[in-house]
């Protein structure tokens, strides 16, 4: 899953996928987050993730083609954290931990759409509705003030097609996946 947290209000959005994120699906998650917020921030802080960043050379960042094109079309400024700097990305790391410890435990998985629906409900009931531990304020109430500062989000986007990869079954009824062999039932 991917989390988006607004800095001042601590208003959150979470998007789940049942496949690994790619550059295309990361861009789509941004689209959904900006629609959820009703706008977009002027600046976004990122970890140096391979889904959005190809390489970094002493502060010169080369973004993936999909993400660079999206940033150019939409118009926010991406800011990348230094590697191994927990202070600069602690807010998002704390939110990931919050989702893992408070939303996911004991939840029964039915399908990915249902999980995302349940998460939106949890965000409105709990994560954005209860007093934040660090700010001592309710994110939903603070978001009303912060929402006026968000930039207009100009895009419409369709959900990207998921590219499934085929794997062949070997003669001994095993499957090779990421250098590991998995046995299959006869």
C-alpha atoms as a PDB file:
ATOM      1  CA  UNK A   1       0.000   0.000   0.000  1.00  0.00           C
ATOM      2  CA  UNK A   2       0.968   3.635  -0.380  1.00  0.00           C
ATOM      3  CA  UNK A   3       0.173   6.434   2.053  1.00  0.00           C
ATOM      4  CA  UNK A   4      -0.251  10.160   1.497  1.00  0.00           C
ATOM      5  CA  UNK A   5      -0.182  12.500   4.514  1.00  0.00           C
ATOM      6  CA  UNK A   6      -0.703  16.240   4.457  1.00  0.00           C
ATOM      7  CA  UNK A   7       1.975  17.909   6.555  1.00  0.00           C
ATOM      8  CA  UNK A   8      -0.005  20.452   8.563  1.00  0.00           C
ATOM      9  CA  UNK A   9      -3.311  18.713   9.214  1.00  0.00           C
ATOM     10  CA  UNK A  10      -2.007  15.104   9.180  1.00  0.00           C
ATOM     11  CA  UNK A  11      -4.980  14.238   6.951  1.00  0.00           C
ATOM     12  CA  UNK A  12      -4.318  10.821   5.404  1.00  0.00           C
ATOM     13  CA  UNK A  13      -5.121   8.764   2.326  1.00  0.00           C
ATOM     14  CA  UNK A  14      -4.188   5.108   1.812  1.00  0.00           C
ATOM     15  CA  UNK A  15      -4.375   3.046  -1.378  1.00  0.00           C
ATOM     16  CA  UNK A  16      -3.981  -0.750  -1.482  1.00  0.00           C
ATOM     17  CA  UNK A  17      -3.020  -2.981  -4.405  1.00  0.00           C
ATOM     18  CA  UNK A  18      -2.733  -6.740  -4.526  1.00  0.00           C
ATOM     19  CA  UNK A  19       0.202  -6.585  -6.960  1.00  0.00           C
ATOM     20  CA  UNK A  20       3.539  -4.793  -6.556  1.00  0.00           C
ATOM     21  CA  UNK A  21       3.479  -1.088  -7.378  1.00  0.00           C
ATOM     22  CA  UNK A  22       4.920   0.085 -10.687  1.00  0.00           C
ATOM     23  CA  UNK A  23       5.554   3.622 -11.899  1.00  0.00           C
ATOM     24  CA  UNK A  24       2.132   3.616 -13.630  1.00  0.00           C
ATOM     25  CA  UNK A  25       0.211   2.419 -10.588  1.00  0.00           C
ATOM     26  CA  UNK A  26       2.116   4.848  -8.348  1.00  0.00           C
ATOM     27  CA  UNK A  27       1.010   7.709 -10.605  1.00  0.00           C
ATOM     28  CA  UNK A  28      -2.555   6.393 -10.448  1.00  0.00           C
ATOM     29  CA  UNK A  29      -2.366   6.295  -6.634  1.00  0.00           C
ATOM     30  CA  UNK A  30      -1.358   9.975  -6.712  1.00  0.00           C
ATOM     31  CA  UNK A  31      -4.379  10.690  -8.881  1.00  0.00           C
ATOM     32  CA  UNK A  32      -6.702   8.973  -6.403  1.00  0.00           C
ATOM     33  CA  UNK A  33      -5.110  10.772  -3.439  1.00  0.00           C
ATOM     34  CA  UNK A  34      -5.473  14.202  -5.060  1.00  0.00           C
ATOM     35  CA  UNK A  35      -9.107  13.429  -5.898  1.00  0.00           C
ATOM     36  CA  UNK A  36      -9.655  12.354  -2.276  1.00  0.00           C
ATOM     37  CA  UNK A  37      -8.084  15.570  -0.965  1.00  0.00           C
ATOM     38  CA  UNK A  38      -9.950  17.726  -3.471  1.00  0.00           C
ATOM     39  CA  UNK A  39      -6.691  19.278  -4.656  1.00  0.00           C
ATOM     40  CA  UNK A  40      -2.956  18.796  -4.507  1.00  0.00           C
ATOM     41  CA  UNK A  41      -0.133  20.298  -2.492  1.00  0.00           C
ATOM     42  CA  UNK A  42       2.427  22.514  -4.240  1.00  0.00           C
ATOM     43  CA  UNK A  43       5.271  20.294  -2.945  1.00  0.00           C
ATOM     44  CA  UNK A  44       5.494  16.591  -2.200  1.00  0.00           C
ATOM     45  CA  UNK A  45       8.225  14.885  -0.158  1.00  0.00           C
ATOM     46  CA  UNK A  46       9.363  11.431  -1.283  1.00  0.00           C
ATOM     47  CA  UNK A  47      11.681   8.687  -0.229  1.00  0.00           C
ATOM     48  CA  UNK A  48      14.101   7.662  -2.976  1.00  0.00           C
ATOM     49  CA  UNK A  49      11.871   4.887  -4.296  1.00  0.00           C
ATOM     50  CA  UNK A  50      12.639   3.080  -7.568  1.00  0.00           C
ATOM     51  CA  UNK A  51       9.029   3.462  -8.716  1.00  0.00           C
ATOM     52  CA  UNK A  52       9.522   7.216  -9.095  1.00  0.00           C
ATOM     53  CA  UNK A  53      13.280   7.750  -9.129  1.00  0.00           C
ATOM     54  CA  UNK A  54      15.741   6.052 -11.479  1.00  0.00           C
ATOM     55  CA  UNK A  55      18.922   7.447  -9.952  1.00  0.00           C
ATOM     56  CA  UNK A  56      20.364  10.229  -7.831  1.00  0.00           C
ATOM     57  CA  UNK A  57      23.708  11.863  -8.448  1.00  0.00           C
ATOM     58  CA  UNK A  58      24.654  14.341  -5.693  1.00  0.00           C
ATOM     59  CA  UNK A  59      21.251  16.055  -5.653  1.00  0.00           C
ATOM     60  CA  UNK A  60      20.543  15.654  -9.369  1.00  0.00           C
ATOM     61  CA  UNK A  61      17.493  13.393  -9.560  1.00  0.00           C
ATOM     62  CA  UNK A  62      16.409  11.405 -12.605  1.00  0.00           C
ATOM     63  CA  UNK A  63      12.759  10.392 -12.298  1.00  0.00           C
ATOM     64  CA  UNK A  64      11.069   7.515 -14.121  1.00  0.00           C
ATOM     65  CA  UNK A  65       9.492   8.493 -17.431  1.00  0.00           C
ATOM     66  CA  UNK A  66       5.915   8.006 -16.213  1.00  0.00           C
ATOM     67  CA  UNK A  67       6.419   9.958 -13.008  1.00  0.00           C
ATOM     68  CA  UNK A  68       8.372  12.795 -14.683  1.00  0.00           C
ATOM     69  CA  UNK A  69       5.628  13.167 -17.286  1.00  0.00           C
ATOM     70  CA  UNK A  70       2.951  13.218 -14.566  1.00  0.00           C
ATOM     71  CA  UNK A  71       4.823  15.847 -12.523  1.00  0.00           C
ATOM     72  CA  UNK A  72       5.207  18.006 -15.649  1.00  0.00           C
ATOM     73  CA  UNK A  73       1.489  17.713 -16.526  1.00  0.00           C
ATOM     74  CA  UNK A  74       0.160  18.297 -13.026  1.00  0.00           C
ATOM     75  CA  UNK A  75       2.691  20.824 -11.807  1.00  0.00           C
ATOM     76  CA  UNK A  76       3.725  20.033  -8.214  1.00  0.00           C
ATOM     77  CA  UNK A  77       7.339  20.075  -7.042  1.00  0.00           C
ATOM     78  CA  UNK A  78       8.778  16.712  -5.905  1.00  0.00           C
ATOM     79  CA  UNK A  79      11.332  16.855  -3.088  1.00  0.00           C
ATOM     80  CA  UNK A  80      13.400  13.743  -2.426  1.00  0.00           C
ATOM     81  CA  UNK A  81      14.697  12.793   1.017  1.00  0.00           C
ATOM     82  CA  UNK A  82      18.302  11.919   1.579  1.00  0.00           C
ATOM     83  CA  UNK A  83      18.894   8.185   1.956  1.00  0.00           C
ATOM     84  CA  UNK A  84      18.995   6.848   5.520  1.00  0.00           C
ATOM     85  CA  UNK A  85      17.462  10.038   6.936  1.00  0.00           C
ATOM     86  CA  UNK A  86      14.531   8.960   9.124  1.00  0.00           C
ATOM     87  CA  UNK A  87      13.795  12.515  10.315  1.00  0.00           C
ATOM     88  CA  UNK A  88      12.789  13.687   6.838  1.00  0.00           C
ATOM     89  CA  UNK A  89      10.364  10.829   6.202  1.00  0.00           C
ATOM     90  CA  UNK A  90       9.234   9.991   9.711  1.00  0.00           C
ATOM     91  CA  UNK A  91       5.694  11.248   9.162  1.00  0.00           C
ATOM     92  CA  UNK A  92       5.001   8.799   6.342  1.00  0.00           C
ATOM     93  CA  UNK A  93       6.788   5.948   8.146  1.00  0.00           C
ATOM     94  CA  UNK A  94       4.628   6.565  11.224  1.00  0.00           C
ATOM     95  CA  UNK A  95       1.512   6.506   9.042  1.00  0.00           C
ATOM     96  CA  UNK A  96       2.552   3.193   7.477  1.00  0.00           C
ATOM     97  CA  UNK A  97       3.030   1.774  10.975  1.00  0.00           C
ATOM     98  CA  UNK A  98      -0.368   3.199  12.030  1.00  0.00           C
ATOM     99  CA  UNK A  99      -2.124   1.474   9.103  1.00  0.00           C
ATOM    100  CA  UNK A 100      -0.324  -1.823   9.783  1.00  0.00           C
ATOM    101  CA  UNK A 101      -1.112  -1.811  13.495  1.00  0.00           C
ATOM    102  CA  UNK A 102      -4.600  -0.276  13.553  1.00  0.00           C
ATOM    103  CA  UNK A 103      -6.344  -0.973  10.258  1.00  0.00           C
ATOM    104  CA  UNK A 104      -5.018  -4.295   8.993  1.00  0.00           C
ATOM    105  CA  UNK A 105      -4.955  -6.588  12.069  1.00  0.00           C
ATOM    106  CA  UNK A 106      -7.940  -8.920  12.247  1.00  0.00           C
ATOM    107  CA  UNK A 107      -9.346  -7.656   8.961  1.00  0.00           C
ATOM    108  CA  UNK A 108     -10.702 -10.329   6.644  1.00  0.00           C
ATOM    109  CA  UNK A 109      -9.544  -9.961   3.046  1.00  0.00           C
ATOM    110  CA  UNK A 110     -12.300 -10.446   0.467  1.00  0.00           C
ATOM    111  CA  UNK A 111     -10.944  -8.519  -2.519  1.00  0.00           C
ATOM    112  CA  UNK A 112      -8.836  -5.431  -3.160  1.00  0.00           C
ATOM    113  CA  UNK A 113     -11.788  -3.142  -3.965  1.00  0.00           C
ATOM    114  CA  UNK A 114     -13.482  -4.075  -0.708  1.00  0.00           C
ATOM    115  CA  UNK A 115     -10.253  -3.472   1.223  1.00  0.00           C
ATOM    116  CA  UNK A 116      -9.919   0.021  -0.282  1.00  0.00           C
ATOM    117  CA  UNK A 117     -13.579   0.781   0.538  1.00  0.00           C
ATOM    118  CA  UNK A 118     -13.079  -0.385   4.140  1.00  0.00           C
ATOM    119  CA  UNK A 119      -9.945   1.734   4.376  1.00  0.00           C
ATOM    120  CA  UNK A 120     -11.794   4.878   3.243  1.00  0.00           C
ATOM    121  CA  UNK A 121     -14.362   4.176   5.968  1.00  0.00           C
ATOM    122  CA  UNK A 122     -11.603   3.650   8.538  1.00  0.00           C
ATOM    123  CA  UNK A 123      -9.938   6.898   7.466  1.00  0.00           C
ATOM    124  CA  UNK A 124     -13.155   8.862   7.961  1.00  0.00           C
ATOM    125  CA  UNK A 125     -14.046   7.134  11.271  1.00  0.00           C
ATOM    126  CA  UNK A 126     -10.635   6.766  12.886  1.00  0.00           C
ATOM    127  CA  UNK A 127      -7.431   7.954  11.224  1.00  0.00           C
ATOM    128  CA  UNK A 128      -8.710  11.372  10.173  1.00  0.00           C
ATOM    129  CA  UNK A 129     -11.392  11.746  12.850  1.00  0.00           C
ATOM    130  CA  UNK A 130      -9.496  11.145  16.091  1.00  0.00           C
ATOM    131  CA  UNK A 131      -7.015  13.435  17.788  1.00  0.00           C
ATOM    132  CA  UNK A 132      -3.514  13.092  16.317  1.00  0.00           C
ATOM    133  CA  UNK A 133      -0.919  12.069  18.910  1.00  0.00           C
ATOM    134  CA  UNK A 134       1.706  14.606  17.829  1.00  0.00           C
ATOM    135  CA  UNK A 135      -0.371  17.666  16.934  1.00  0.00           C
ATOM    136  CA  UNK A 136      -3.138  17.089  19.523  1.00  0.00           C
ATOM    137  CA  UNK A 137      -5.612  18.204  16.837  1.00  0.00           C
ATOM    138  CA  UNK A 138      -8.252  16.371  14.800  1.00  0.00           C
ATOM    139  CA  UNK A 139      -6.960  15.958  11.210  1.00  0.00           C
ATOM    140  CA  UNK A 140     -10.425  16.299   9.615  1.00  0.00           C
ATOM    141  CA  UNK A 141     -11.023  19.655  11.316  1.00  0.00           C
ATOM    142  CA  UNK A 142      -7.549  20.948  10.451  1.00  0.00           C
ATOM    143  CA  UNK A 143      -7.972  19.730   6.883  1.00  0.00           C
ATOM    144  CA  UNK A 144     -10.866  22.149   6.398  1.00  0.00           C
ATOM    145  CA  UNK A 145      -8.373  24.982   6.918  1.00  0.00           C
ATOM    146  CA  UNK A 146      -5.596  23.347   4.908  1.00  0.00           C
ATOM    147  CA  UNK A 147      -7.866  22.464   1.957  1.00  0.00           C
ATOM    148  CA  UNK A 148      -8.071  26.126   0.949  1.00  0.00           C
ATOM    149  CA  UNK A 149      -4.289  26.119   0.409  1.00  0.00           C
ATOM    150  CA  UNK A 150      -4.295  23.116  -1.952  1.00  0.00           C
ATOM    151  CA  UNK A 151      -3.732  23.715  -5.661  1.00  0.00           C
ATOM    152  CA  UNK A 152      -6.386  22.770  -8.195  1.00  0.00           C
ATOM    153  CA  UNK A 153      -5.890  19.251  -9.503  1.00  0.00           C
ATOM    154  CA  UNK A 154      -6.384  19.459 -13.279  1.00  0.00           C
ATOM    155  CA  UNK A 155      -6.383  15.826 -14.441  1.00  0.00           C
ATOM    156  CA  UNK A 156      -8.720  12.978 -15.148  1.00  0.00           C
ATOM    157  CA  UNK A 157      -7.195   9.528 -15.412  1.00  0.00           C
ATOM    158  CA  UNK A 158      -8.336   5.981 -16.103  1.00  0.00           C
ATOM    159  CA  UNK A 159      -7.156   3.073 -14.011  1.00  0.00           C
ATOM    160  CA  UNK A 160      -4.026   1.570 -15.599  1.00  0.00           C
ATOM    161  CA  UNK A 161      -4.221  -1.919 -17.004  1.00  0.00           C
ATOM    162  CA  UNK A 162      -2.455  -4.468 -14.879  1.00  0.00           C
ATOM    163  CA  UNK A 163       0.187  -6.328 -16.813  1.00  0.00           C
ATOM    164  CA  UNK A 164       0.194  -9.957 -15.698  1.00  0.00           C
ATOM    165  CA  UNK A 165       3.260 -12.019 -16.436  1.00  0.00           C
ATOM    166  CA  UNK A 166       3.058 -15.671 -17.422  1.00  0.00           C
ATOM    167  CA  UNK A 167       5.250 -18.287 -15.809  1.00  0.00           C
ATOM    168  CA  UNK A 168       5.782 -21.764 -17.187  1.00  0.00           C
ATOM    169  CA  UNK A 169       5.414 -24.907 -15.107  1.00  0.00           C
ATOM    170  CA  UNK A 170       8.474 -27.147 -15.272  1.00  0.00           C
ATOM    171  CA  UNK A 171       8.397 -30.920 -15.874  1.00  0.00           C
ATOM    172  CA  UNK A 172       8.835 -31.644 -12.162  1.00  0.00           C
ATOM    173  CA  UNK A 173       5.712 -29.573 -11.336  1.00  0.00           C
ATOM    174  CA  UNK A 174       7.612 -26.568  -9.996  1.00  0.00           C
ATOM    175  CA  UNK A 175       7.481 -22.919 -10.868  1.00  0.00           C
ATOM    176  CA  UNK A 176      10.535 -20.649 -10.993  1.00  0.00           C
ATOM    177  CA  UNK A 177       9.726 -17.224  -9.564  1.00  0.00           C
ATOM    178  CA  UNK A 178      12.401 -14.669  -8.579  1.00  0.00           C
ATOM    179  CA  UNK A 179      15.100 -17.365  -8.361  1.00  0.00           C
ATOM    180  CA  UNK A 180      12.946 -19.556  -6.084  1.00  0.00           C
ATOM    181  CA  UNK A 181      11.264 -22.825  -6.963  1.00  0.00           C
ATOM    182  CA  UNK A 182       7.702 -23.407  -5.827  1.00  0.00           C
ATOM    183  CA  UNK A 183       6.023 -26.805  -6.029  1.00  0.00           C
ATOM    184  CA  UNK A 184       2.543 -27.035  -7.496  1.00  0.00           C
ATOM    185  CA  UNK A 185      -0.156 -29.636  -6.883  1.00  0.00           C
ATOM    186  CA  UNK A 186      -0.528 -32.330  -9.534  1.00  0.00           C
END
